[in-house]
Amino acid sequence: MNNTRLKELRTKNNFTYQMMANELNVSKTFYWQIEHGVRKLSYKMAFDIARIFGLKPDDIFYDEFLNYNDEVAS
C-alpha cells in the first residue's frame, strides 16, 4: 500500500518525516516505512496520524485501502 495521500498531507502542512515521527512517538525510519507502504498501518496509528491533521482515518486512508483490495483481488 502506497500512502500517497499521507505524503500530500504531510508536505502540505510543512511536516518533515522527523516532525511526524516525534508527534507519533516513533522513529523517523518507522514513520518513513508507513508512508512508503513498507510497514503495515495499525488502526491506532492511522487514528493518531489523522488526529495530527484534524481528520478521520478514512479521510486519509480509505481510497488507498480500496486500491489495495483491488490489487489483491486481481
N, C-alpha and C. Protein backbone atom coordinates (compact mmCIF):
# COMPACT_ATOMS: atom_id res chain seq x y z
N MET A 1 0.85 -1.17 0.00
CA MET A 1 0.00 0.00 0.00
C MET A 1 0.89 1.24 0.00
N ASN A 2 0.65 2.12 -0.92
CA ASN A 2 1.42 3.36 -1.02
C ASN A 2 0.54 4.51 -0.54
N ASN A 3 0.90 5.10 0.56
CA ASN A 3 0.07 6.13 1.19
C ASN A 3 0.34 7.52 0.60
N THR A 4 -0.06 7.70 -0.66
CA THR A 4 0.20 8.97 -1.34
C THR A 4 -0.54 10.14 -0.68
N ARG A 5 -1.73 9.91 -0.22
CA ARG A 5 -2.50 10.97 0.45
C ARG A 5 -1.78 11.42 1.72
N LEU A 6 -1.20 10.48 2.41
CA LEU A 6 -0.47 10.80 3.63
C LEU A 6 0.71 11.71 3.33
N LYS A 7 1.44 11.41 2.28
CA LYS A 7 2.58 12.26 1.89
C LYS A 7 2.10 13.65 1.51
N GLU A 8 1.00 13.72 0.76
CA GLU A 8 0.45 15.02 0.36
C GLU A 8 0.10 15.87 1.58
N LEU A 9 -0.55 15.26 2.56
CA LEU A 9 -0.92 15.99 3.77
C LEU A 9 0.31 16.46 4.53
N ARG A 10 1.28 15.58 4.64
CA ARG A 10 2.49 15.92 5.39
C ARG A 10 3.21 17.10 4.75
N THR A 11 3.40 17.05 3.45
CA THR A 11 4.13 18.13 2.78
C THR A 11 3.31 19.43 2.73
N LYS A 12 2.01 19.31 2.53
CA LYS A 12 1.15 20.49 2.50
C LYS A 12 1.18 21.23 3.84
N ASN A 13 1.31 20.48 4.92
CA ASN A 13 1.34 21.07 6.26
C ASN A 13 2.76 21.34 6.75
N ASN A 14 3.72 21.24 5.83
CA ASN A 14 5.13 21.53 6.13
C ASN A 14 5.69 20.69 7.28
N PHE A 15 5.28 19.42 7.33
CA PHE A 15 5.83 18.48 8.29
C PHE A 15 6.95 17.69 7.64
N THR A 16 8.02 17.48 8.37
CA THR A 16 9.08 16.59 7.91
C THR A 16 8.79 15.19 8.44
N TYR A 17 9.55 14.21 7.94
CA TYR A 17 9.43 12.86 8.49
C TYR A 17 9.70 12.89 9.99
N GLN A 18 10.73 13.64 10.39
CA GLN A 18 11.10 13.69 11.80
C GLN A 18 10.00 14.32 12.65
N MET A 19 9.37 15.36 12.15
CA MET A 19 8.28 16.00 12.89
C MET A 19 7.12 15.04 13.09
N MET A 20 6.76 14.30 12.05
CA MET A 20 5.69 13.31 12.17
C MET A 20 6.07 12.23 13.17
N ALA A 21 7.30 11.75 13.06
CA ALA A 21 7.78 10.72 13.98
C ALA A 21 7.70 11.20 15.43
N ASN A 22 8.11 12.43 15.66
CA ASN A 22 8.05 12.99 17.02
C ASN A 22 6.61 13.05 17.53
N GLU A 23 5.69 13.49 16.69
CA GLU A 23 4.27 13.57 17.08
C GLU A 23 3.70 12.19 17.42
N LEU A 24 4.20 11.17 16.73
CA LEU A 24 3.67 9.81 16.89
C LEU A 24 4.49 8.97 17.86
N ASN A 25 5.55 9.54 18.39
CA ASN A 25 6.45 8.80 19.30
C ASN A 25 7.01 7.54 18.67
N VAL A 26 7.44 7.66 17.43
CA VAL A 26 8.10 6.57 16.72
C VAL A 26 9.39 7.12 16.10
N SER A 27 10.21 6.23 15.57
CA SER A 27 11.43 6.70 14.91
C SER A 27 11.09 7.27 13.54
N LYS A 28 12.01 8.07 13.03
CA LYS A 28 11.86 8.62 11.68
C LYS A 28 11.76 7.49 10.65
N THR A 29 12.57 6.46 10.82
CA THR A 29 12.55 5.32 9.91
C THR A 29 11.20 4.61 9.94
N PHE A 30 10.66 4.43 11.14
CA PHE A 30 9.36 3.77 11.29
C PHE A 30 8.29 4.55 10.53
N TYR A 31 8.28 5.88 10.72
CA TYR A 31 7.28 6.69 10.02
C TYR A 31 7.49 6.63 8.51
N TRP A 32 8.73 6.74 8.05
CA TRP A 32 9.03 6.66 6.62
C TRP A 32 8.48 5.36 6.04
N GLN A 33 8.65 4.26 6.77
CA GLN A 33 8.17 2.96 6.31
C GLN A 33 6.65 2.94 6.18
N ILE A 34 5.96 3.60 7.08
CA ILE A 34 4.49 3.69 6.97
C ILE A 34 4.11 4.46 5.71
N GLU A 35 4.72 5.61 5.53
CA GLU A 35 4.36 6.46 4.40
C GLU A 35 4.68 5.80 3.06
N HIS A 36 5.69 4.97 3.01
CA HIS A 36 6.09 4.30 1.77
C HIS A 36 5.52 2.89 1.62
N GLY A 37 4.64 2.49 2.55
CA GLY A 37 3.97 1.21 2.43
C GLY A 37 4.82 0.01 2.77
N VAL A 38 5.97 0.23 3.38
CA VAL A 38 6.84 -0.88 3.78
C VAL A 38 6.30 -1.53 5.05
N ARG A 39 5.77 -0.72 5.93
CA ARG A 39 5.24 -1.20 7.21
C ARG A 39 3.73 -1.10 7.18
N LYS A 40 3.07 -2.13 7.68
CA LYS A 40 1.61 -2.11 7.75
C LYS A 40 1.16 -1.10 8.80
N LEU A 41 0.03 -0.53 8.54
CA LEU A 41 -0.51 0.52 9.39
C LEU A 41 -1.57 -0.05 10.31
N SER A 42 -1.38 0.11 11.62
CA SER A 42 -2.40 -0.32 12.58
C SER A 42 -3.51 0.72 12.62
N TYR A 43 -4.68 0.32 13.13
CA TYR A 43 -5.77 1.28 13.23
C TYR A 43 -5.39 2.41 14.18
N LYS A 44 -4.72 2.07 15.29
CA LYS A 44 -4.32 3.09 16.25
C LYS A 44 -3.39 4.11 15.59
N MET A 45 -2.45 3.64 14.81
CA MET A 45 -1.51 4.55 14.15
C MET A 45 -2.26 5.41 13.12
N ALA A 46 -3.19 4.81 12.38
CA ALA A 46 -3.99 5.57 11.42
C ALA A 46 -4.79 6.66 12.14
N PHE A 47 -5.36 6.31 13.28
CA PHE A 47 -6.12 7.26 14.08
C PHE A 47 -5.22 8.40 14.57
N ASP A 48 -4.03 8.04 15.07
CA ASP A 48 -3.10 9.05 15.58
C ASP A 48 -2.62 9.99 14.48
N ILE A 49 -2.36 9.44 13.30
CA ILE A 49 -1.93 10.27 12.17
C ILE A 49 -3.06 11.22 11.76
N ALA A 50 -4.27 10.69 11.67
CA ALA A 50 -5.41 11.52 11.28
C ALA A 50 -5.63 12.65 12.29
N ARG A 51 -5.46 12.34 13.56
CA ARG A 51 -5.64 13.35 14.62
C ARG A 51 -4.69 14.53 14.42
N ILE A 52 -3.47 14.25 14.01
CA ILE A 52 -2.48 15.31 13.79
C ILE A 52 -3.00 16.33 12.77
N PHE A 53 -3.71 15.83 11.76
CA PHE A 53 -4.21 16.71 10.70
C PHE A 53 -5.66 17.14 10.92
N GLY A 54 -6.26 16.75 12.04
CA GLY A 54 -7.64 17.12 12.32
C GLY A 54 -8.64 16.40 11.44
N LEU A 55 -8.30 15.17 11.04
CA LEU A 55 -9.14 14.38 10.15
C LEU A 55 -9.50 13.04 10.78
N LYS A 56 -10.35 12.28 10.08
CA LYS A 56 -10.65 10.90 10.46
C LYS A 56 -9.76 9.99 9.62
N PRO A 57 -9.43 8.80 10.12
CA PRO A 57 -8.59 7.88 9.33
C PRO A 57 -9.12 7.64 7.92
N ASP A 58 -10.42 7.51 7.76
CA ASP A 58 -10.99 7.27 6.43
C ASP A 58 -10.72 8.42 5.47
N ASP A 59 -10.61 9.64 6.00
CA ASP A 59 -10.32 10.79 5.14
C ASP A 59 -8.96 10.67 4.46
N ILE A 60 -8.06 9.96 5.10
CA ILE A 60 -6.70 9.82 4.58
C ILE A 60 -6.51 8.49 3.86
N PHE A 61 -6.97 7.41 4.46
CA PHE A 61 -6.57 6.08 4.02
C PHE A 61 -7.62 5.29 3.26
N TYR A 62 -8.86 5.72 3.20
CA TYR A 62 -9.92 4.90 2.61
C TYR A 62 -9.66 4.57 1.14
N ASP A 63 -9.30 5.55 0.34
CA ASP A 63 -9.03 5.29 -1.08
C ASP A 63 -7.86 4.33 -1.26
N GLU A 64 -6.82 4.47 -0.44
CA GLU A 64 -5.68 3.57 -0.52
C GLU A 64 -6.10 2.15 -0.17
N PHE A 65 -7.00 2.00 0.81
CA PHE A 65 -7.49 0.69 1.20
C PHE A 65 -8.26 0.05 0.05
N LEU A 66 -9.10 0.83 -0.62
CA LEU A 66 -9.85 0.29 -1.76
C LEU A 66 -8.92 -0.13 -2.88
N ASN A 67 -7.93 0.69 -3.19
CA ASN A 67 -6.96 0.35 -4.24
C ASN A 67 -6.19 -0.91 -3.88
N TYR A 68 -5.81 -1.05 -2.62
CA TYR A 68 -5.08 -2.23 -2.16
C TYR A 68 -5.95 -3.48 -2.33
N ASN A 69 -7.21 -3.40 -1.95
CA ASN A 69 -8.11 -4.55 -2.09
C ASN A 69 -8.30 -4.93 -3.55
N ASP A 70 -8.38 -3.95 -4.44
CA ASP A 70 -8.50 -4.24 -5.88
C ASP A 70 -7.26 -4.97 -6.39
N GLU A 71 -6.08 -4.56 -5.93
CA GLU A 71 -4.84 -5.20 -6.36
C GLU A 71 -4.78 -6.64 -5.87
N VAL A 72 -5.19 -6.87 -4.64
CA VAL A 72 -5.16 -8.22 -4.06
C VAL A 72 -6.15 -9.13 -4.78
N ALA A 73 -7.31 -8.60 -5.15
CA ALA A 73 -8.34 -9.39 -5.82
C ALA A 73 -7.95 -9.76 -7.25
N SER A 74 -7.07 -9.01 -7.87
CA SER A 74 -6.69 -9.25 -9.27
C SER A 74 -5.80 -10.46 -9.42
